[in-house]
Amino acid sequence: MATRVEVLGVHPVAAAEPVHLIEMVIEGNAVELDFGQVTQEDVTQPRENWQVAYEEQVLDEANDSVRFACFFHYLSFEKPLLTPLGIVQLPQPTPMPTHLQHIHYDPP
């Protein structure tokens, strides 16, 4: 099975800086995804300064898929996420669903 990533939802988090919780599923070999490489282009910055996903957590594992949640600061909904597994479009943000409310944000 080819490895692919899909964003299931994006949810704003109450914080001093703009931050969202991203829920995604990886089908295939989830080991291939380095969350430090999940980013968005920022033409005003060199690549090493781009925001990246962090504090990833496994939510569920079943057969050949793994569902994760991670945080991302200053997310732009006009740009896709760039991942080692390809470009991923973002859905519009929605309120935090009940099944993710146990995940707590700690500012970096």
Protein backbone atom coordinates (compact mmCIF):
# COMPACT_ATOMS: atom_id res chain seq x y z
CA MET A 1 0.00 0.00 0.00
CA ALA A 2 1.33 3.44 -0.90
CA THR A 3 1.75 5.80 2.01
CA ARG A 4 -0.49 8.87 2.03
CA VAL A 5 -1.52 11.53 4.51
CA GLU A 6 -4.89 13.27 4.84
CA VAL A 7 -5.92 16.10 7.16
CA LEU A 8 -9.20 15.19 8.84
CA GLY A 9 -9.72 18.45 10.70
CA VAL A 10 -8.13 21.67 11.89
CA HIS A 11 -9.22 23.18 15.18
CA PRO A 12 -8.27 26.51 16.79
CA VAL A 13 -6.74 26.38 20.25
CA ALA A 14 -7.14 29.11 22.87
CA ALA A 15 -3.64 30.55 23.25
CA ALA A 16 -1.69 33.82 23.31
CA GLU A 17 -0.42 33.11 19.77
CA PRO A 18 -2.42 31.64 16.85
CA VAL A 19 -2.22 27.85 17.11
CA HIS A 20 -4.33 25.00 15.73
CA LEU A 21 -4.64 21.32 16.48
CA ILE A 22 -4.45 19.31 13.27
CA GLU A 23 -5.95 15.82 13.11
CA MET A 24 -4.59 13.65 10.32
CA VAL A 25 -4.52 10.05 9.21
CA ILE A 26 -1.59 8.31 7.60
CA GLU A 27 -2.33 5.23 5.54
CA GLY A 28 0.55 2.92 4.81
CA ASN A 29 3.90 3.28 6.58
CA ALA A 30 3.39 5.99 9.21
CA VAL A 31 7.05 5.67 10.23
CA GLU A 32 7.88 7.54 7.02
CA LEU A 33 6.37 10.79 8.31
CA ASP A 34 8.78 13.09 10.14
CA PHE A 35 6.55 15.73 11.76
CA GLY A 36 9.50 18.12 11.85
CA GLN A 37 9.17 18.16 8.05
CA VAL A 38 5.42 18.99 8.06
CA THR A 39 5.49 22.69 7.25
CA GLN A 40 4.08 25.56 5.20
CA GLU A 41 5.96 27.79 2.83
CA ASP A 42 6.68 31.31 4.08
CA VAL A 43 8.22 33.39 1.30
CA THR A 44 9.33 36.01 3.84
CA GLN A 45 11.57 33.52 5.68
CA PRO A 46 14.29 31.01 4.85
CA ARG A 47 13.01 27.42 5.00
CA GLU A 48 14.71 26.70 8.33
CA ASN A 49 12.46 29.39 9.90
CA TRP A 50 9.16 28.00 8.58
CA GLN A 51 6.66 26.78 11.14
CA VAL A 52 6.48 23.00 11.61
CA ALA A 53 4.07 20.58 13.26
CA TYR A 54 5.01 19.53 16.77
CA GLU A 55 3.87 17.56 19.84
CA GLU A 56 2.37 14.87 17.64
CA GLN A 57 0.29 12.26 19.43
CA VAL A 58 -1.04 8.94 18.21
CA LEU A 59 -4.83 8.87 18.57
CA ASP A 60 -5.61 5.51 17.00
CA GLU A 61 -3.91 2.69 15.12
CA ALA A 62 -5.81 0.23 12.94
CA ASN A 63 -4.48 -2.12 10.26
CA ASP A 64 -2.41 0.05 7.90
CA SER A 65 -3.46 3.47 9.20
CA VAL A 66 -2.53 5.70 12.11
CA ARG A 67 -4.48 8.75 13.24
CA PHE A 68 -2.44 11.57 14.78
CA ALA A 69 -2.97 15.02 16.24
CA CYS A 70 -0.32 17.73 16.26
CA PHE A 71 -0.08 21.45 16.91
CA PHE A 72 0.88 24.11 14.38
CA HIS A 73 1.47 27.84 14.99
CA TYR A 74 0.49 30.58 12.54
CA LEU A 75 -1.26 28.19 10.15
CA SER A 76 -2.32 29.74 6.84
CA PHE A 77 -5.50 28.33 5.30
CA GLU A 78 -4.52 29.77 1.93
CA LYS A 79 -1.52 27.42 1.71
CA PRO A 80 -1.27 23.61 1.81
CA LEU A 81 0.84 21.66 4.25
CA LEU A 82 4.09 20.40 2.77
CA THR A 83 4.95 16.91 4.02
CA PRO A 84 7.51 14.26 3.11
CA LEU A 85 4.50 12.30 1.76
CA GLY A 86 3.28 15.11 -0.50
CA ILE A 87 1.24 18.28 -0.48
CA VAL A 88 -1.88 18.19 1.68
CA GLN A 89 -4.78 20.66 1.42
CA LEU A 90 -6.28 22.01 4.62
CA PRO A 91 -9.99 22.03 5.37
CA GLN A 92 -11.49 25.14 6.94
CA PRO A 93 -11.18 25.27 10.74
CA THR A 94 -13.95 23.87 12.89
CA PRO A 95 -14.50 23.90 16.67
CA MET A 96 -12.60 21.32 18.70
CA PRO A 97 -14.51 18.01 18.53
CA THR A 98 -15.24 16.10 21.72
CA HIS A 99 -12.83 13.27 20.86
CA LEU A 100 -9.88 15.73 20.84
CA GLN A 101 -10.75 17.83 23.90
CA HIS A 102 -8.45 15.73 26.11
CA ILE A 103 -5.39 17.05 24.23
CA HIS A 104 -3.92 20.00 26.09
CA TYR A 105 -1.78 22.72 24.57
CA ASP A 106 1.39 23.77 26.37
CA PRO A 107 3.06 26.85 24.84
CA PRO A 108 6.60 26.20 23.62
